[in-house]
Protein backbone atom coordinates (compact mmCIF):
# COMPACT_ATOMS: atom_id res chain seq x y z
CA UNK A 1 -8.27 -16.19 20.74
CA UNK A 2 -10.24 -15.48 17.64
CA UNK A 3 -9.18 -17.02 14.46
CA UNK A 4 -10.81 -15.64 11.26
CA UNK A 5 -10.45 -18.27 8.26
CA UNK A 6 -10.12 -16.42 4.88
CA UNK A 7 -11.76 -18.32 1.68
CA UNK A 8 -11.52 -16.88 -1.66
CA UNK A 9 -13.80 -18.29 -3.98
CA UNK A 10 -14.16 -18.31 -7.55
CA UNK A 11 -16.34 -21.07 -9.28
CA UNK A 12 -15.94 -23.57 -6.57
CA UNK A 13 -19.35 -25.26 -6.36
CA UNK A 14 -17.61 -29.04 -6.28
CA UNK A 15 -15.66 -29.17 -3.54
CA UNK A 16 -16.77 -26.18 -1.36
CA UNK A 17 -18.91 -27.56 0.97
CA UNK A 18 -16.64 -30.71 2.15
CA UNK A 19 -14.09 -27.99 2.78
CA UNK A 20 -16.29 -25.62 4.67
CA UNK A 21 -17.44 -28.70 6.44
CA UNK A 22 -13.75 -29.67 7.58
CA UNK A 23 -13.52 -25.83 8.83
CA UNK A 24 -16.67 -25.77 10.72
CA UNK A 25 -15.92 -29.08 12.69
CA UNK A 26 -12.31 -27.56 13.90
CA UNK A 27 -11.44 -28.85 17.17
CA UNK A 28 -10.44 -25.22 17.68
CA UNK A 29 -14.11 -23.44 17.61
CA UNK A 30 -13.37 -19.95 18.49
CA UNK A 31 -13.26 -19.16 14.35
CA UNK A 32 -15.28 -16.60 11.92
CA UNK A 33 -15.32 -17.69 8.48
CA UNK A 34 -15.03 -15.15 5.59
CA UNK A 35 -15.93 -15.89 2.42
CA UNK A 36 -14.91 -13.60 -0.51
CA UNK A 37 -16.47 -14.36 -3.85
CA UNK A 38 -14.96 -13.05 -6.99
CA UNK A 39 -17.64 -13.15 -9.52
CA UNK A 40 -18.41 -16.85 -9.76
CA UNK A 41 -20.85 -17.83 -12.43
CA UNK A 42 -21.64 -21.42 -10.71
CA UNK A 43 -23.45 -22.20 -7.76
CA UNK A 44 -20.53 -21.42 -5.24
CA UNK A 45 -22.68 -18.80 -3.38
CA UNK A 46 -25.52 -21.20 -3.21
CA UNK A 47 -23.24 -23.65 -1.38
CA UNK A 48 -22.36 -21.25 0.71
CA UNK A 49 -25.24 -20.12 1.97
CA UNK A 50 -27.04 -22.93 2.64
CA UNK A 51 -24.07 -23.88 5.34
CA UNK A 52 -24.46 -20.16 6.38
CA UNK A 53 -28.10 -20.80 7.76
CA UNK A 54 -26.46 -23.70 9.83
CA UNK A 55 -23.62 -21.48 10.72
CA UNK A 56 -23.46 -18.31 11.70
CA UNK A 57 -19.65 -17.70 11.99
CA UNK A 58 -19.91 -18.10 8.04
CA UNK A 59 -19.93 -14.22 6.76
CA UNK A 60 -20.23 -14.03 2.91
CA UNK A 61 -18.92 -11.06 0.40
CA UNK A 62 -19.07 -10.59 -3.00
CA UNK A 63 -16.75 -8.05 -5.18
CA UNK A 64 -18.44 -6.32 -7.78
CA UNK A 65 -15.72 -7.06 -10.30
CA UNK A 66 -13.18 -9.79 -10.29
CA UNK A 67 -10.09 -8.97 -8.34
CA UNK A 68 -8.28 -11.77 -9.17
CA UNK A 69 -6.65 -13.88 -6.17
CA UNK A 70 -3.96 -11.91 -4.60
CA UNK A 71 -6.40 -8.69 -4.38
CA UNK A 72 -9.18 -10.74 -3.37
CA UNK A 73 -7.25 -12.12 -0.46
CA UNK A 74 -6.08 -8.21 0.40
CA UNK A 75 -9.50 -7.32 0.35
CA UNK A 76 -11.22 -10.24 2.23
CA UNK A 77 -8.61 -9.23 5.29
CA UNK A 78 -10.48 -6.14 5.83
CA UNK A 79 -13.82 -8.06 6.69
CA UNK A 80 -11.89 -10.30 9.67
CA UNK A 81 -12.09 -9.31 13.21
CA UNK A 82 -9.70 -12.24 14.71
CA UNK A 83 -6.26 -11.75 16.19
CA UNK A 84 -5.16 -14.36 13.96
CA UNK A 85 -6.17 -15.01 10.32
CA UNK A 86 -6.04 -18.33 8.46
CA UNK A 87 -5.88 -18.78 5.01
CA UNK A 88 -7.70 -21.99 3.36
CA UNK A 89 -8.57 -23.26 -0.43
CA UNK A 90 -12.04 -23.60 -1.53
CA UNK A 91 -11.10 -27.44 -2.67
CA UNK A 92 -9.20 -28.85 0.18
CA UNK A 93 -9.96 -30.57 3.09
CA UNK A 94 -8.50 -29.75 6.66
CA UNK A 95 -7.31 -32.28 9.44
CA UNK A 96 -10.18 -31.26 12.10
CA UNK A 97 -6.70 -30.36 14.67
CA UNK A 98 -5.01 -28.12 12.14
CA UNK A 99 -5.91 -24.74 13.64
CA UNK A 100 -5.59 -26.39 17.20
CA UNK A 101 -1.95 -27.68 16.28
CA UNK A 102 -0.99 -24.37 14.60
CA UNK A 103 -2.59 -22.06 17.08
CA UNK A 104 -0.19 -24.38 20.16
CA UNK A 105 2.91 -23.78 17.84
CA UNK A 106 2.54 -20.02 17.37
CA UNK A 107 2.10 -18.88 20.86
CA UNK A 108 4.80 -21.12 22.25
CA UNK A 109 7.31 -20.08 19.56
CA UNK A 110 5.77 -16.27 19.49
CA UNK A 111 5.77 -17.04 16.07
CA UNK A 112 4.70 -14.20 13.60
CA UNK A 113 3.41 -17.16 11.14
CA UNK A 114 2.91 -20.93 11.08
CA UNK A 115 2.92 -23.03 8.02
CA UNK A 116 2.60 -27.09 7.66
CA UNK A 117 2.95 -29.62 5.04
CA UNK A 118 -0.09 -30.79 2.85
CA UNK A 119 -1.17 -34.50 1.62
CA UNK A 120 -1.58 -34.47 -2.05
CA UNK A 121 -5.07 -36.16 -2.87
CA UNK A 122 -6.85 -36.55 -6.30
CA UNK A 123 -10.46 -35.13 -7.25
CA UNK A 124 -12.13 -37.66 -5.07
CA UNK A 125 -9.91 -36.99 -1.89
CA UNK A 126 -7.94 -40.26 -2.63
CA UNK A 127 -4.25 -40.36 -1.12
CA UNK A 128 -2.07 -39.77 -3.82
CA UNK A 129 1.18 -40.76 -1.62
CA UNK A 130 2.78 -37.81 -2.09
CA UNK A 131 3.32 -34.63 0.16
CA UNK A 132 3.87 -30.84 -1.00
CA UNK A 133 7.32 -30.24 0.36
CA UNK A 134 8.77 -33.11 -1.33
CA UNK A 135 6.75 -33.04 -4.71
CA UNK A 136 8.31 -29.58 -5.17
CA UNK A 137 11.81 -30.43 -3.76
CA UNK A 138 11.98 -27.55 -1.34
CA UNK A 139 13.16 -27.29 2.06
CA UNK A 140 10.74 -26.01 4.69
CA UNK A 141 12.29 -23.10 6.33
CA UNK A 142 11.75 -21.55 10.34
CA UNK A 143 13.06 -19.50 12.77
CA UNK A 144 14.52 -16.05 12.11
CA UNK A 145 14.67 -16.00 8.04
CA UNK A 146 14.85 -12.83 5.58
CA UNK A 147 16.75 -13.92 2.50
CA UNK A 148 14.91 -17.17 1.61
CA UNK A 149 11.82 -16.13 -0.12
CA UNK A 150 13.97 -14.07 -3.08
CA UNK A 151 13.77 -17.11 -5.43
CA UNK A 152 11.30 -19.59 -4.47
CA UNK A 153 8.54 -20.24 -1.69
CA UNK A 154 8.03 -23.07 0.65
CA UNK A 155 4.68 -21.59 2.10
CA UNK A 156 1.15 -22.73 0.80
CA UNK A 157 -1.21 -20.27 1.08
CA UNK A 158 -3.78 -22.55 2.14
CA UNK A 159 -1.68 -23.77 5.08
CA UNK A 160 -0.57 -20.55 6.67
CA UNK A 161 -1.77 -18.93 10.01
CA UNK A 162 -0.60 -15.49 10.83
CA UNK A 163 -1.17 -12.73 13.51
CA UNK A 164 -3.51 -9.59 12.45
CA UNK A 165 -0.68 -6.91 13.06
CA UNK A 166 1.39 -8.47 9.80
CA UNK A 167 -1.11 -6.90 8.07
CA UNK A 168 0.48 -3.67 8.21
CA UNK A 169 3.38 -5.07 6.43
CA UNK A 170 1.32 -7.28 3.71
CA UNK A 171 -0.44 -3.97 2.26
CA UNK A 172 -0.39 -4.06 -0.60
CA UNK A 173 0.32 -7.44 -2.15
CA UNK A 174 2.42 -6.90 -5.46
CA UNK A 175 0.95 -8.42 -8.60
CA UNK A 176 4.33 -9.93 -9.39
CA UNK A 177 4.21 -12.16 -6.04
CA UNK A 178 1.92 -14.43 -5.03
CA UNK A 179 0.32 -13.60 -2.19
CA UNK A 180 1.80 -16.79 0.06
CA UNK A 181 5.24 -16.29 -0.88
CA UNK A 182 4.66 -12.57 0.15
CA UNK A 183 3.00 -13.16 3.43
CA UNK A 184 5.87 -15.43 4.42
CA UNK A 185 8.40 -12.88 3.13
CA UNK A 186 6.81 -9.97 4.90
CA UNK A 187 6.35 -12.17 8.23
CA UNK A 188 10.28 -12.92 8.42
CA UNK A 189 10.63 -9.20 8.66
CA UNK A 190 8.30 -9.48 11.62
CA UNK A 191 9.51 -11.88 13.71
CA UNK A 192 10.36 -15.94 13.23
CA UNK A 193 8.41 -18.56 11.24
CA UNK A 194 7.42 -21.67 12.34
CA UNK A 195 7.03 -24.96 10.46
CA UNK A 196 4.47 -28.20 10.71
CA UNK A 197 6.32 -30.66 8.54
CA UNK A 198 3.57 -33.25 9.17
CA UNK A 199 0.62 -32.63 6.34
CA UNK A 200 -2.63 -30.70 8.40
CA UNK A 201 -4.16 -30.03 4.81
CA UNK A 202 -5.26 -32.84 2.19
CA UNK A 203 -4.47 -30.63 -1.13
CA UNK A 204 -6.64 -31.34 -3.54
CA UNK A 205 -5.61 -32.18 -7.30
CA UNK A 206 -7.47 -31.04 -10.28
CA UNK A 207 -7.06 -29.67 -13.42
CA UNK A 208 -8.09 -26.03 -12.45
CA UNK A 209 -4.97 -25.99 -10.04
CA UNK A 210 -3.37 -22.53 -9.89
CA UNK A 211 -0.18 -24.67 -9.03
CA UNK A 212 0.44 -27.40 -11.26
CA UNK A 213 2.19 -29.29 -8.27
CA UNK A 214 2.24 -32.62 -10.35
CA UNK A 215 3.82 -31.34 -13.22
CA UNK A 216 0.94 -32.91 -15.25
CA UNK A 217 0.74 -29.33 -17.68
CA UNK A 218 3.58 -29.66 -19.07
CA UNK A 219 3.92 -29.12 -22.89
CA UNK A 220 6.53 -29.57 -25.33
CA UNK A 221 7.57 -26.11 -26.22
CA UNK A 222 9.22 -24.50 -29.27
CA UNK A 223 12.58 -22.66 -28.94
CA UNK A 224 10.96 -19.36 -29.59
CA UNK A 225 7.93 -20.48 -26.89
CA UNK A 226 11.21 -21.22 -24.44
CA UNK A 227 12.79 -17.66 -24.78
CA UNK A 228 9.73 -15.74 -24.38
CA UNK A 229 8.71 -17.89 -21.14
CA UNK A 230 12.78 -16.85 -20.21
CA UNK A 231 12.28 -13.00 -21.12
CA UNK A 232 8.90 -12.84 -18.75
CA UNK A 233 10.29 -14.59 -16.10
CA UNK A 234 13.64 -12.02 -15.88
CA UNK A 235 10.91 -9.21 -16.18
CA UNK A 236 9.08 -10.39 -13.38
CA UNK A 237 11.96 -11.07 -11.10
CA UNK A 238 13.00 -7.84 -11.79
CA UNK A 239 9.94 -6.67 -10.63
CA UNK A 240 9.81 -8.61 -7.45
CA UNK A 241 13.12 -7.18 -6.41
CA UNK A 242 11.60 -3.58 -7.09
CA UNK A 243 8.71 -4.59 -4.55
CA UNK A 244 11.04 -6.00 -2.16
CA UNK A 245 12.97 -2.60 -2.08
CA UNK A 246 9.82 -0.86 -2.07
CA UNK A 247 8.76 -2.66 1.14
CA UNK A 248 12.11 -1.89 2.62
CA UNK A 249 11.56 1.38 2.14
CA UNK A 250 8.18 1.95 2.96
CA UNK A 251 8.73 0.01 6.60
CA UNK A 252 12.15 1.79 7.01
CA UNK A 253 14.42 -1.21 7.47
CA UNK A 254 18.04 -1.72 6.67
CA UNK A 255 20.04 -4.18 7.71
CA UNK A 256 22.59 -6.50 5.74
CA UNK A 257 20.02 -8.16 4.40
CA UNK A 258 18.43 -5.37 2.48
CA UNK A 259 21.84 -4.54 1.23
CA UNK A 260 22.07 -7.92 -0.35
CA UNK A 261 19.11 -7.37 -1.77
CA UNK A 262 19.75 -4.08 -3.04
CA UNK A 263 23.22 -5.53 -4.74
CA UNK A 264 21.19 -8.16 -6.77
CA UNK A 265 18.41 -5.75 -7.97
CA UNK A 266 20.99 -3.68 -9.30
CA UNK A 267 22.92 -6.73 -10.99
CA UNK A 268 19.24 -8.58 -11.94
CA UNK A 269 17.79 -5.61 -13.83
CA UNK A 270 20.69 -6.11 -16.51
CA UNK A 271 19.78 -9.18 -17.34
CA UNK A 272 19.67 -8.39 -21.17
CA UNK A 273 23.22 -7.42 -21.24
CA UNK A 274 24.78 -10.26 -20.05
CA UNK A 275 25.78 -14.11 -20.96
CA UNK A 276 26.72 -14.87 -17.42
CA UNK A 277 27.28 -12.47 -14.13
CA UNK A 278 30.32 -13.18 -12.33
CA UNK A 279 29.29 -10.36 -9.73
CA UNK A 280 25.70 -12.08 -9.41
CA UNK A 281 27.54 -15.33 -8.89
CA UNK A 282 29.78 -14.36 -6.22
CA UNK A 283 26.73 -12.51 -4.58
CA UNK A 284 25.22 -15.80 -4.45
CA UNK A 285 28.00 -17.85 -3.21
CA UNK A 286 28.35 -15.64 -0.34
CA UNK A 287 25.00 -15.69 1.16
CA UNK A 288 23.94 -18.83 -0.31
CA UNK A 289 22.82 -20.70 2.61
CA UNK A 290 20.48 -17.67 3.32
CA UNK A 291 19.44 -16.63 -0.19
CA UNK A 292 18.80 -20.26 -1.23
CA UNK A 293 17.81 -21.65 2.18
CA UNK A 294 14.89 -23.42 0.22
CA UNK A 295 16.49 -24.73 -2.44
CA UNK A 296 17.43 -28.36 -2.60
CA UNK A 297 20.27 -27.70 -4.87
CA UNK A 298 21.98 -24.37 -4.11
CA UNK A 299 25.16 -24.54 -6.52
CA UNK A 300 22.30 -25.70 -9.52
CA UNK A 301 20.31 -22.18 -8.39
CA UNK A 302 23.46 -20.08 -8.55
CA UNK A 303 24.16 -21.38 -11.84
CA UNK A 304 20.72 -20.67 -13.29
CA UNK A 305 20.29 -17.46 -11.65
CA UNK A 306 23.39 -15.63 -12.60
CA UNK A 307 22.68 -16.51 -16.45
CA UNK A 308 21.54 -13.81 -18.76
CA UNK A 309 19.36 -13.44 -21.28
CA UNK A 310 22.05 -13.70 -23.78
CA UNK A 311 22.77 -16.82 -22.35
CA UNK A 312 19.34 -18.23 -22.76
CA UNK A 313 18.83 -16.65 -26.47
CA UNK A 314 21.69 -19.59 -27.16
CA UNK A 315 20.49 -21.99 -24.74
CA UNK A 316 16.84 -21.32 -24.13
CA UNK A 317 16.68 -25.10 -22.75
CA UNK A 318 18.81 -24.15 -19.65
């Protein structure tokens, strides 16, 4: 079965060759490698073309304009010919058995998507003795889950392997939700998720990472900055729930879980008008094991997401 490995690049010359070699040398060899470059200004394409000369499985595409990673991945999926699709960052290093192990689990479990843990390494590839699940304080979820991605994500894009059939539900990827979380969410309505709790990727940490896993970019913020951040967070959350509801409508999905999301949205959208929403809290309480399946501290999450903007105007540090 052909696996399409998608790499969306942008100014990734420094680490791209090492990552490509770890993909080219996978024990599972029936692959194609799709590189979609989003307007790199460095020698990313030069590195990619050099390796393309050595391996005809590599195809390179260039965007006319910078699309951002969500839309770049969405466009790159159109180039894929494989029945399965794996996603890759431009700066990591894969365990050489990554695809083989994920493929076996996906077939065994008849899963729609398989993901794994990652081992954090520094800029030189040195092990930091930290794994992604532990560092982010998340519970990796599998099986039949549909509400777990509402307030958190445990699926890192660089570990994903999913069935091509998912694409009809993935499009379009909302601008308010990171692509990996959206793919996990849509996959949960297509079938079961499977997780490999071992690390199959060496996840490189450096100053240009989109996700600050090591929490090294924290800066002391003023009260006003914290409040503005809360306002933006609320707006994003409402937009995300609108995307969830649009997904149900476009795919004609109606079940108990969709009713829960509709109830949550109807309360969340009024975030400007309340200090603490007890109705929201009761919805969370009733469904806490589903909604906060990823969270380590479910009660703390319930309290946090029951607070409205009025509460944060008084206590912006919450």
